[in-house]
């Protein structure tokens, strides 16, 4: 039986962007709409909450002292010890109607990041590639970008549009993380739940949070679903492997859009969970800024 526990019990309206820093043995995640970043030592201890002053959704590790934080106005370098942030790369900073959303680091150290409309306006979002001071727009006309993750060898990327409930796959250059072909449809969901955040394990399997589906689904590189983990909340948002052995999964969730009756029925909605997995996960590399 899969062991599922509550990793942190403070609910987030829209918990997202979890990850693990092996340099500091720290787990992080965000409450996007509240502009809050949480950090919690994996070995135990209290979580720390940092108010960022704007919506933020993801980060990448630069080194032991610095993080690259994705916000509604762009990428900021954050000093872990002081909390001080400085703008590093604007992304749609002049568009108050959009915010950041899903993101993940390619094995080449490139940061794939996404934007979306603050009211989920159709086609308002995009996916960008950032690496070593260079920013490129990869795909536009996306409503709710999600499921950004990569094959372990860096030769493929995946991304979804939750509004369409489709995951695409595209070949990528393992040396740069840039696409070198056209995206093709990888998964299409016609059942319950929607494709939210995903992460790929050491075998290239995709672990996907099913928004509205109360579960984590695992898909083989062939596209076949090979495992399902049921969760006690309706809206899981994103998984990430944690621990130096990457043998556990942390999963964020949300209570956004839930009415009072649903909140009462699912009192753990918005909390952050830990799942012990039978398999080998994979940690994101450091970003190259």
C-alpha atoms as a PDB file:
ATOM      1  CA  UNK A   1       0.000   0.000   0.000  1.00  0.00           C
ATOM      2  CA  UNK A   2       1.323   3.447  -0.927  1.00  0.00           C
ATOM      3  CA  UNK A   3       2.130   5.595   2.101  1.00  0.00           C
ATOM      4  CA  UNK A   4       0.658   9.101   1.878  1.00  0.00           C
ATOM      5  CA  UNK A   5       1.147  11.699   4.615  1.00  0.00           C
ATOM      6  CA  UNK A   6       0.713  15.433   5.080  1.00  0.00           C
ATOM      7  CA  UNK A   7       4.080  17.131   4.640  1.00  0.00           C
ATOM      8  CA  UNK A   8       2.801  20.588   5.613  1.00  0.00           C
ATOM      9  CA  UNK A   9      -0.667  21.310   6.927  1.00  0.00           C
ATOM     10  CA  UNK A  10      -1.105  24.998   6.086  1.00  0.00           C
ATOM     11  CA  UNK A  11      -3.588  25.161   3.194  1.00  0.00           C
ATOM     12  CA  UNK A  12      -2.727  27.080   0.029  1.00  0.00           C
ATOM     13  CA  UNK A  13      -5.411  28.579  -2.154  1.00  0.00           C
ATOM     14  CA  UNK A  14      -3.313  27.586  -5.163  1.00  0.00           C
ATOM     15  CA  UNK A  15      -0.326  25.532  -4.055  1.00  0.00           C
ATOM     16  CA  UNK A  16       2.135  24.948  -6.902  1.00  0.00           C
ATOM     17  CA  UNK A  17       5.742  24.717  -8.055  1.00  0.00           C
ATOM     18  CA  UNK A  18       7.216  22.214  -5.558  1.00  0.00           C
ATOM     19  CA  UNK A  19      10.845  21.171  -5.739  1.00  0.00           C
ATOM     20  CA  UNK A  20      13.857  19.977  -3.789  1.00  0.00           C
ATOM     21  CA  UNK A  21      17.291  21.508  -3.278  1.00  0.00           C
ATOM     22  CA  UNK A  22      19.851  18.746  -2.565  1.00  0.00           C
ATOM     23  CA  UNK A  23      22.482  21.357  -1.683  1.00  0.00           C
ATOM     24  CA  UNK A  24      20.478  22.446   1.369  1.00  0.00           C
ATOM     25  CA  UNK A  25      18.179  19.403   1.801  1.00  0.00           C
ATOM     26  CA  UNK A  26      15.203  21.739   1.530  1.00  0.00           C
ATOM     27  CA  UNK A  27      11.762  21.308  -0.037  1.00  0.00           C
ATOM     28  CA  UNK A  28      10.044  24.381  -1.485  1.00  0.00           C
ATOM     29  CA  UNK A  29       6.610  25.213  -2.898  1.00  0.00           C
ATOM     30  CA  UNK A  30       4.438  28.259  -3.605  1.00  0.00           C
ATOM     31  CA  UNK A  31       0.993  29.640  -2.873  1.00  0.00           C
ATOM     32  CA  UNK A  32       0.708  31.455  -6.203  1.00  0.00           C
ATOM     33  CA  UNK A  33      -2.159  33.870  -5.648  1.00  0.00           C
ATOM     34  CA  UNK A  34      -0.887  34.937  -2.217  1.00  0.00           C
ATOM     35  CA  UNK A  35       2.677  35.460  -3.450  1.00  0.00           C
ATOM     36  CA  UNK A  36       4.080  33.135  -0.793  1.00  0.00           C
ATOM     37  CA  UNK A  37       7.153  30.888  -0.977  1.00  0.00           C
ATOM     38  CA  UNK A  38       7.473  28.053   1.546  1.00  0.00           C
ATOM     39  CA  UNK A  39      10.704  26.257   2.450  1.00  0.00           C
ATOM     40  CA  UNK A  40      10.925  23.266   4.781  1.00  0.00           C
ATOM     41  CA  UNK A  41      13.954  21.136   5.757  1.00  0.00           C
ATOM     42  CA  UNK A  42      13.416  17.565   4.653  1.00  0.00           C
ATOM     43  CA  UNK A  43      15.154  16.256   7.771  1.00  0.00           C
ATOM     44  CA  UNK A  44      12.579  17.936  10.003  1.00  0.00           C
ATOM     45  CA  UNK A  45      11.880  21.339  11.450  1.00  0.00           C
ATOM     46  CA  UNK A  46       9.444  24.144  10.868  1.00  0.00           C
ATOM     47  CA  UNK A  47       8.521  25.485   7.456  1.00  0.00           C
ATOM     48  CA  UNK A  48       9.447  29.077   6.674  1.00  0.00           C
ATOM     49  CA  UNK A  49       7.088  31.296   4.713  1.00  0.00           C
ATOM     50  CA  UNK A  50       8.387  34.203   2.633  1.00  0.00           C
ATOM     51  CA  UNK A  51       6.103  36.920   1.246  1.00  0.00           C
ATOM     52  CA  UNK A  52       7.348  37.839  -2.225  1.00  0.00           C
ATOM     53  CA  UNK A  53       5.126  40.848  -2.867  1.00  0.00           C
ATOM     54  CA  UNK A  54       3.772  39.498  -6.159  1.00  0.00           C
ATOM     55  CA  UNK A  55       2.407  36.290  -7.594  1.00  0.00           C
ATOM     56  CA  UNK A  56       5.090  33.620  -8.000  1.00  0.00           C
ATOM     57  CA  UNK A  57       4.883  30.011  -9.069  1.00  0.00           C
ATOM     58  CA  UNK A  58       8.240  28.239  -9.445  1.00  0.00           C
ATOM     59  CA  UNK A  59      11.966  28.423  -8.803  1.00  0.00           C
ATOM     60  CA  UNK A  60      15.204  26.835  -9.893  1.00  0.00           C
ATOM     61  CA  UNK A  61      18.364  26.349  -7.856  1.00  0.00           C
ATOM     62  CA  UNK A  62      21.323  28.469  -8.988  1.00  0.00           C
ATOM     63  CA  UNK A  63      23.731  27.429  -6.232  1.00  0.00           C
ATOM     64  CA  UNK A  64      23.682  26.944  -2.458  1.00  0.00           C
ATOM     65  CA  UNK A  65      23.102  30.658  -1.857  1.00  0.00           C
ATOM     66  CA  UNK A  66      20.855  31.682  -4.769  1.00  0.00           C
ATOM     67  CA  UNK A  67      17.532  30.776  -6.348  1.00  0.00           C
ATOM     68  CA  UNK A  68      15.941  31.896  -9.611  1.00  0.00           C
ATOM     69  CA  UNK A  69      12.292  32.668  -8.834  1.00  0.00           C
ATOM     70  CA  UNK A  70       9.579  32.858 -11.499  1.00  0.00           C
ATOM     71  CA  UNK A  71       7.047  35.612 -10.792  1.00  0.00           C
ATOM     72  CA  UNK A  72       4.260  37.421 -12.610  1.00  0.00           C
ATOM     73  CA  UNK A  73       6.788  39.964 -13.939  1.00  0.00           C
ATOM     74  CA  UNK A  74       9.751  37.713 -14.692  1.00  0.00           C
ATOM     75  CA  UNK A  75      12.749  35.927 -13.219  1.00  0.00           C
ATOM     76  CA  UNK A  76      14.310  37.210 -10.000  1.00  0.00           C
ATOM     77  CA  UNK A  77      17.536  36.081  -8.345  1.00  0.00           C
ATOM     78  CA  UNK A  78      16.809  35.513  -4.655  1.00  0.00           C
ATOM     79  CA  UNK A  79      19.417  35.349  -1.899  1.00  0.00           C
ATOM     80  CA  UNK A  80      18.385  32.477   0.386  1.00  0.00           C
ATOM     81  CA  UNK A  81      20.013  33.903   3.497  1.00  0.00           C
ATOM     82  CA  UNK A  82      18.574  37.424   3.273  1.00  0.00           C
ATOM     83  CA  UNK A  83      15.495  36.943   1.093  1.00  0.00           C
ATOM     84  CA  UNK A  84      16.613  39.866  -1.068  1.00  0.00           C
ATOM     85  CA  UNK A  85      15.477  39.631  -4.690  1.00  0.00           C
ATOM     86  CA  UNK A  86      16.683  41.432  -7.792  1.00  0.00           C
ATOM     87  CA  UNK A  87      15.137  41.386 -11.259  1.00  0.00           C
ATOM     88  CA  UNK A  88      17.188  39.180 -13.569  1.00  0.00           C
ATOM     89  CA  UNK A  89      15.010  38.718 -16.664  1.00  0.00           C
ATOM     90  CA  UNK A  90      11.656  40.428 -17.300  1.00  0.00           C
ATOM     91  CA  UNK A  91       8.958  38.188 -18.780  1.00  0.00           C
ATOM     92  CA  UNK A  92       5.703  39.894 -19.799  1.00  0.00           C
ATOM     93  CA  UNK A  93       6.420  42.484 -17.108  1.00  0.00           C
ATOM     94  CA  UNK A  94       4.466  45.075 -19.087  1.00  0.00           C
ATOM     95  CA  UNK A  95       1.348  42.898 -19.266  1.00  0.00           C
ATOM     96  CA  UNK A  96      -0.658  43.174 -16.020  1.00  0.00           C
ATOM     97  CA  UNK A  97      -3.198  40.646 -17.306  1.00  0.00           C
ATOM     98  CA  UNK A  98      -0.819  37.656 -17.139  1.00  0.00           C
ATOM     99  CA  UNK A  99       1.107  35.806 -14.447  1.00  0.00           C
ATOM    100  CA  UNK A 100       3.601  32.979 -14.254  1.00  0.00           C
ATOM    101  CA  UNK A 101       2.555  29.355 -13.981  1.00  0.00           C
ATOM    102  CA  UNK A 102       4.313  26.035 -14.578  1.00  0.00           C
ATOM    103  CA  UNK A 103       8.094  25.663 -15.053  1.00  0.00           C
ATOM    104  CA  UNK A 104      10.921  23.142 -14.857  1.00  0.00           C
ATOM    105  CA  UNK A 105      14.671  22.906 -15.581  1.00  0.00           C
ATOM    106  CA  UNK A 106      15.881  20.915 -18.591  1.00  0.00           C
ATOM    107  CA  UNK A 107      18.921  18.611 -18.070  1.00  0.00           C
ATOM    108  CA  UNK A 108      21.003  21.190 -20.000  1.00  0.00           C
ATOM    109  CA  UNK A 109      20.277  23.797 -17.320  1.00  0.00           C
ATOM    110  CA  UNK A 110      17.669  25.679 -19.374  1.00  0.00           C
ATOM    111  CA  UNK A 111      14.578  26.931 -17.543  1.00  0.00           C
ATOM    112  CA  UNK A 112      11.315  26.354 -19.408  1.00  0.00           C
ATOM    113  CA  UNK A 113       8.768  28.743 -17.895  1.00  0.00           C
ATOM    114  CA  UNK A 114       5.170  29.607 -18.697  1.00  0.00           C
ATOM    115  CA  UNK A 115       2.626  32.392 -18.384  1.00  0.00           C
ATOM    116  CA  UNK A 116      -1.168  32.474 -18.382  1.00  0.00           C
ATOM    117  CA  UNK A 117      -3.984  34.977 -18.049  1.00  0.00           C
ATOM    118  CA  UNK A 118      -4.842  35.888 -14.465  1.00  0.00           C
ATOM    119  CA  UNK A 119      -8.434  34.985 -15.316  1.00  0.00           C
ATOM    120  CA  UNK A 120      -7.364  32.020 -17.462  1.00  0.00           C
ATOM    121  CA  UNK A 121      -8.277  33.911 -20.617  1.00  0.00           C
ATOM    122  CA  UNK A 122      -8.113  31.624 -23.686  1.00  0.00           C
ATOM    123  CA  UNK A 123      -4.787  31.769 -25.496  1.00  0.00           C
ATOM    124  CA  UNK A 124      -3.305  34.440 -23.218  1.00  0.00           C
ATOM    125  CA  UNK A 125      -0.285  32.413 -22.123  1.00  0.00           C
ATOM    126  CA  UNK A 126       3.023  31.256 -23.545  1.00  0.00           C
ATOM    127  CA  UNK A 127       6.033  29.023 -22.869  1.00  0.00           C
ATOM    128  CA  UNK A 128       9.563  30.452 -22.834  1.00  0.00           C
ATOM    129  CA  UNK A 129      13.092  29.034 -22.776  1.00  0.00           C
ATOM    130  CA  UNK A 130      15.728  30.792 -20.652  1.00  0.00           C
ATOM    131  CA  UNK A 131      19.444  29.966 -20.341  1.00  0.00           C
ATOM    132  CA  UNK A 132      22.600  31.967 -19.645  1.00  0.00           C
ATOM    133  CA  UNK A 133      21.002  35.367 -20.118  1.00  0.00           C
ATOM    134  CA  UNK A 134      19.020  34.494 -23.245  1.00  0.00           C
ATOM    135  CA  UNK A 135      15.210  34.347 -23.391  1.00  0.00           C
ATOM    136  CA  UNK A 136      13.235  32.847 -26.290  1.00  0.00           C
ATOM    137  CA  UNK A 137       9.486  32.477 -26.718  1.00  0.00           C
ATOM    138  CA  UNK A 138       8.785  28.902 -27.765  1.00  0.00           C
ATOM    139  CA  UNK A 139       5.002  28.611 -27.943  1.00  0.00           C
ATOM    140  CA  UNK A 140       2.152  31.111 -27.742  1.00  0.00           C
ATOM    141  CA  UNK A 141      -1.645  30.925 -27.731  1.00  0.00           C
ATOM    142  CA  UNK A 142      -1.684  28.654 -24.679  1.00  0.00           C
ATOM    143  CA  UNK A 143      -4.424  29.044 -22.083  1.00  0.00           C
ATOM    144  CA  UNK A 144      -3.116  27.162 -19.015  1.00  0.00           C
ATOM    145  CA  UNK A 145       0.380  25.757 -19.564  1.00  0.00           C
ATOM    146  CA  UNK A 146       1.236  22.785 -17.380  1.00  0.00           C
ATOM    147  CA  UNK A 147       3.131  19.483 -17.232  1.00  0.00           C
ATOM    148  CA  UNK A 148       6.479  20.959 -18.328  1.00  0.00           C
ATOM    149  CA  UNK A 149       9.041  18.188 -17.809  1.00  0.00           C
ATOM    150  CA  UNK A 150      11.813  16.403 -19.656  1.00  0.00           C
ATOM    151  CA  UNK A 151      13.111  12.977 -20.586  1.00  0.00           C
ATOM    152  CA  UNK A 152      16.144  12.026 -18.457  1.00  0.00           C
ATOM    153  CA  UNK A 153      18.495  12.211 -21.459  1.00  0.00           C
ATOM    154  CA  UNK A 154      17.260  15.689 -22.371  1.00  0.00           C
ATOM    155  CA  UNK A 155      16.067  14.609 -25.805  1.00  0.00           C
ATOM    156  CA  UNK A 156      12.363  15.288 -25.253  1.00  0.00           C
ATOM    157  CA  UNK A 157      10.148  17.829 -23.532  1.00  0.00           C
ATOM    158  CA  UNK A 158       6.520  17.571 -22.505  1.00  0.00           C
ATOM    159  CA  UNK A 159       3.961  20.298 -21.886  1.00  0.00           C
ATOM    160  CA  UNK A 160       0.183  20.563 -21.592  1.00  0.00           C
ATOM    161  CA  UNK A 161      -2.658  23.004 -21.967  1.00  0.00           C
ATOM    162  CA  UNK A 162      -5.099  22.240 -19.164  1.00  0.00           C
ATOM    163  CA  UNK A 163      -7.869  24.034 -21.056  1.00  0.00           C
ATOM    164  CA  UNK A 164      -7.556  21.519 -23.911  1.00  0.00           C
ATOM    165  CA  UNK A 165      -6.564  18.570 -21.688  1.00  0.00           C
ATOM    166  CA  UNK A 166      -3.752  17.600 -24.050  1.00  0.00           C
ATOM    167  CA  UNK A 167      -0.081  16.828 -23.348  1.00  0.00           C
ATOM    168  CA  UNK A 168       2.381  17.332 -26.195  1.00  0.00           C
ATOM    169  CA  UNK A 169       5.851  15.887 -26.706  1.00  0.00           C
ATOM    170  CA  UNK A 170       8.629  17.616 -28.642  1.00  0.00           C
ATOM    171  CA  UNK A 171      12.210  16.565 -29.401  1.00  0.00           C
ATOM    172  CA  UNK A 172      14.852  18.751 -27.769  1.00  0.00           C
ATOM    173  CA  UNK A 173      18.569  19.315 -28.160  1.00  0.00           C
ATOM    174  CA  UNK A 174      20.164  17.679 -25.100  1.00  0.00           C
ATOM    175  CA  UNK A 175      22.949  20.281 -25.126  1.00  0.00           C
ATOM    176  CA  UNK A 176      20.692  23.363 -25.039  1.00  0.00           C
ATOM    177  CA  UNK A 177      17.174  22.275 -24.123  1.00  0.00           C
ATOM    178  CA  UNK A 178      15.779  23.965 -27.242  1.00  0.00           C
ATOM    179  CA  UNK A 179      13.120  22.214 -29.354  1.00  0.00           C
ATOM    180  CA  UNK A 180      14.391  20.756 -32.624  1.00  0.00           C
ATOM    181  CA  UNK A 181      11.094  19.627 -34.086  1.00  0.00           C
ATOM    182  CA  UNK A 182       7.358  20.217 -33.974  1.00  0.00           C
ATOM    183  CA  UNK A 183       5.274  19.127 -30.958  1.00  0.00           C
ATOM    184  CA  UNK A 184       3.115  16.032 -31.381  1.00  0.00           C
ATOM    185  CA  UNK A 185       0.181  14.926 -29.261  1.00  0.00           C
ATOM    186  CA  UNK A 186       1.298  12.570 -26.484  1.00  0.00           C
ATOM    187  CA  UNK A 187      -1.783  12.292 -24.249  1.00  0.00           C
ATOM    188  CA  UNK A 188      -5.404  13.371 -24.549  1.00  0.00           C
ATOM    189  CA  UNK A 189      -7.758  13.092 -21.587  1.00  0.00           C
ATOM    190  CA  UNK A 190     -11.439  12.492 -22.224  1.00  0.00           C
ATOM    191  CA  UNK A 191     -12.208  11.235 -18.720  1.00  0.00           C
ATOM    192  CA  UNK A 192     -12.226  12.825 -15.282  1.00  0.00           C
ATOM    193  CA  UNK A 193      -9.598  15.315 -14.177  1.00  0.00           C
ATOM    194  CA  UNK A 194      -7.213  17.502 -16.118  1.00  0.00           C
ATOM    195  CA  UNK A 195      -3.488  17.477 -16.820  1.00  0.00           C
ATOM    196  CA  UNK A 196      -1.855  19.742 -14.238  1.00  0.00           C
ATOM    197  CA  UNK A 197       1.814  19.584 -13.211  1.00  0.00           C
ATOM    198  CA  UNK A 198       4.064  16.662 -14.139  1.00  0.00           C
ATOM    199  CA  UNK A 199       7.558  15.390 -13.415  1.00  0.00           C
ATOM    200  CA  UNK A 200       9.557  12.667 -15.190  1.00  0.00           C
ATOM    201  CA  UNK A 201      11.361   9.920 -13.273  1.00  0.00           C
ATOM    202  CA  UNK A 202      14.663   8.192 -14.053  1.00  0.00           C
ATOM    203  CA  UNK A 203      12.939   5.820 -16.485  1.00  0.00           C
ATOM    204  CA  UNK A 204      11.186   8.616 -18.351  1.00  0.00           C
ATOM    205  CA  UNK A 205       7.753   7.936 -16.856  1.00  0.00           C
ATOM    206  CA  UNK A 206       5.540  10.996 -16.351  1.00  0.00           C
ATOM    207  CA  UNK A 207       3.968  11.482 -12.925  1.00  0.00           C
ATOM    208  CA  UNK A 208       0.996  13.774 -13.440  1.00  0.00           C
ATOM    209  CA  UNK A 209      -1.259  15.568 -10.961  1.00  0.00           C
ATOM    210  CA  UNK A 210      -4.869  15.237 -12.097  1.00  0.00           C
ATOM    211  CA  UNK A 211      -6.648  18.537 -11.336  1.00  0.00           C
ATOM    212  CA  UNK A 212     -10.184  17.622 -10.306  1.00  0.00           C
ATOM    213  CA  UNK A 213      -9.302  13.937 -10.477  1.00  0.00           C
ATOM    214  CA  UNK A 214      -7.998  13.352  -6.916  1.00  0.00           C
ATOM    215  CA  UNK A 215      -5.029  11.341  -8.110  1.00  0.00           C
ATOM    216  CA  UNK A 216      -1.509  11.055  -9.468  1.00  0.00           C
ATOM    217  CA  UNK A 217      -1.305   9.160 -12.750  1.00  0.00           C
ATOM    218  CA  UNK A 218       1.940   7.641 -14.028  1.00  0.00           C
ATOM    219  CA  UNK A 219       2.402   7.334 -17.795  1.00  0.00           C
ATOM    220  CA  UNK A 220       5.136   5.327 -19.515  1.00  0.00           C
ATOM    221  CA  UNK A 221       7.088   6.932 -22.396  1.00  0.00           C
ATOM    222  CA  UNK A 222       4.736   4.987 -24.683  1.00  0.00           C
ATOM    223  CA  UNK A 223       1.785   6.960 -23.304  1.00  0.00           C
ATOM    224  CA  UNK A 224       0.287   3.990 -21.458  1.00  0.00           C
ATOM    225  CA  UNK A 225      -0.926   4.652 -17.932  1.00  0.00           C
ATOM    226  CA  UNK A 226       0.951   2.263 -15.663  1.00  0.00           C
ATOM    227  CA  UNK A 227       0.005   3.428 -12.163  1.00  0.00           C
ATOM    228  CA  UNK A 228      -2.544   5.533 -10.295  1.00  0.00           C
ATOM    229  CA  UNK A 229      -2.253   6.878  -6.750  1.00  0.00           C
ATOM    230  CA  UNK A 230      -5.540   8.068  -5.255  1.00  0.00           C
ATOM    231  CA  UNK A 231      -5.359  11.194  -3.086  1.00  0.00           C
ATOM    232  CA  UNK A 232      -7.666  12.542  -0.345  1.00  0.00           C
ATOM    233  CA  UNK A 233      -8.079  15.918  -2.059  1.00  0.00           C
ATOM    234  CA  UNK A 234      -9.808  16.856  -5.333  1.00  0.00           C
ATOM    235  CA  UNK A 235      -7.254  19.269  -6.786  1.00  0.00           C
ATOM    236  CA  UNK A 236      -3.631  18.084  -6.694  1.00  0.00           C
ATOM    237  CA  UNK A 237      -1.541  20.533  -8.685  1.00  0.00           C
ATOM    238  CA  UNK A 238       2.062  19.399  -9.104  1.00  0.00           C
ATOM    239  CA  UNK A 239       4.437  16.603  -8.007  1.00  0.00           C
ATOM    240  CA  UNK A 240       8.196  16.742  -7.457  1.00  0.00           C
ATOM    241  CA  UNK A 241      10.718  14.138  -6.336  1.00  0.00           C
ATOM    242  CA  UNK A 242      12.484  14.886  -3.064  1.00  0.00           C
ATOM    243  CA  UNK A 243      15.419  13.493  -1.109  1.00  0.00           C
ATOM    244  CA  UNK A 244      18.921  12.768  -2.329  1.00  0.00           C
ATOM    245  CA  UNK A 245      17.667   9.297  -3.323  1.00  0.00           C
ATOM    246  CA  UNK A 246      14.562  10.870  -4.962  1.00  0.00           C
ATOM    247  CA  UNK A 247      12.508   8.040  -3.469  1.00  0.00           C
ATOM    248  CA  UNK A 248       9.669  10.266  -2.260  1.00  0.00           C
ATOM    249  CA  UNK A 249       7.237  12.581  -3.968  1.00  0.00           C
ATOM    250  CA  UNK A 250       5.883  15.875  -2.669  1.00  0.00           C
ATOM    251  CA  UNK A 251       2.542  17.000  -4.100  1.00  0.00           C
ATOM    252  CA  UNK A 252       0.971  20.440  -3.792  1.00  0.00           C
ATOM    253  CA  UNK A 253      -2.775  21.036  -3.928  1.00  0.00           C
ATOM    254  CA  UNK A 254      -5.355  23.824  -4.004  1.00  0.00           C
ATOM    255  CA  UNK A 255      -8.682  24.862  -2.532  1.00  0.00           C
ATOM    256  CA  UNK A 256      -9.265  27.512  -5.209  1.00  0.00           C
ATOM    257  CA  UNK A 257     -12.740  27.418  -6.797  1.00  0.00           C
ATOM    258  CA  UNK A 258     -14.083  25.082  -4.092  1.00  0.00           C
ATOM    259  CA  UNK A 259     -17.356  26.064  -2.415  1.00  0.00           C
ATOM    260  CA  UNK A 260     -18.045  25.771   1.311  1.00  0.00           C
ATOM    261  CA  UNK A 261     -19.573  22.313   1.012  1.00  0.00           C
ATOM    262  CA  UNK A 262     -16.548  21.027  -0.891  1.00  0.00           C
ATOM    263  CA  UNK A 263     -14.165  22.555   1.647  1.00  0.00           C
ATOM    264  CA  UNK A 264     -16.023  20.743   4.419  1.00  0.00           C
ATOM    265  CA  UNK A 265     -15.975  17.481   2.467  1.00  0.00           C
ATOM    266  CA  UNK A 266     -12.233  17.801   1.754  1.00  0.00           C
ATOM    267  CA  UNK A 267     -10.654  19.464   4.817  1.00  0.00           C
ATOM    268  CA  UNK A 268      -7.116  18.719   3.579  1.00  0.00           C
ATOM    269  CA  UNK A 269      -7.560  20.586   0.293  1.00  0.00           C
ATOM    270  CA  UNK A 270      -4.673  22.988  -0.273  1.00  0.00           C
ATOM    271  CA  UNK A 271      -2.251  21.101   1.961  1.00  0.00           C
ATOM    272  CA  UNK A 272       1.080  19.697   0.790  1.00  0.00           C
ATOM    273  CA  UNK A 273       1.517  15.914   0.752  1.00  0.00           C
ATOM    274  CA  UNK A 274       4.360  13.419   0.772  1.00  0.00           C
ATOM    275  CA  UNK A 275       4.165  10.056  -1.003  1.00  0.00           C
ATOM    276  CA  UNK A 276       6.645   7.208  -0.600  1.00  0.00           C
ATOM    277  CA  UNK A 277       7.110   5.659  -4.035  1.00  0.00           C
ATOM    278  CA  UNK A 278       8.401   2.301  -5.197  1.00  0.00           C
ATOM    279  CA  UNK A 279      10.732   3.464  -7.918  1.00  0.00           C
ATOM    280  CA  UNK A 280      13.513   5.851  -8.788  1.00  0.00           C
ATOM    281  CA  UNK A 281      12.716   9.503  -9.212  1.00  0.00           C
ATOM    282  CA  UNK A 282      14.958  12.206 -10.603  1.00  0.00           C
ATOM    283  CA  UNK A 283      15.925  15.648  -9.327  1.00  0.00           C
ATOM    284  CA  UNK A 284      16.007  18.789 -11.450  1.00  0.00           C
ATOM    285  CA  UNK A 285      19.488  20.142 -12.233  1.00  0.00           C
ATOM    286  CA  UNK A 286      20.693  23.629 -11.352  1.00  0.00           C
ATOM    287  CA  UNK A 287      19.716  26.397 -13.738  1.00  0.00           C
ATOM    288  CA  UNK A 288      22.408  28.137 -15.794  1.00  0.00           C
ATOM    289  CA  UNK A 289      21.837  31.874 -15.467  1.00  0.00           C
END
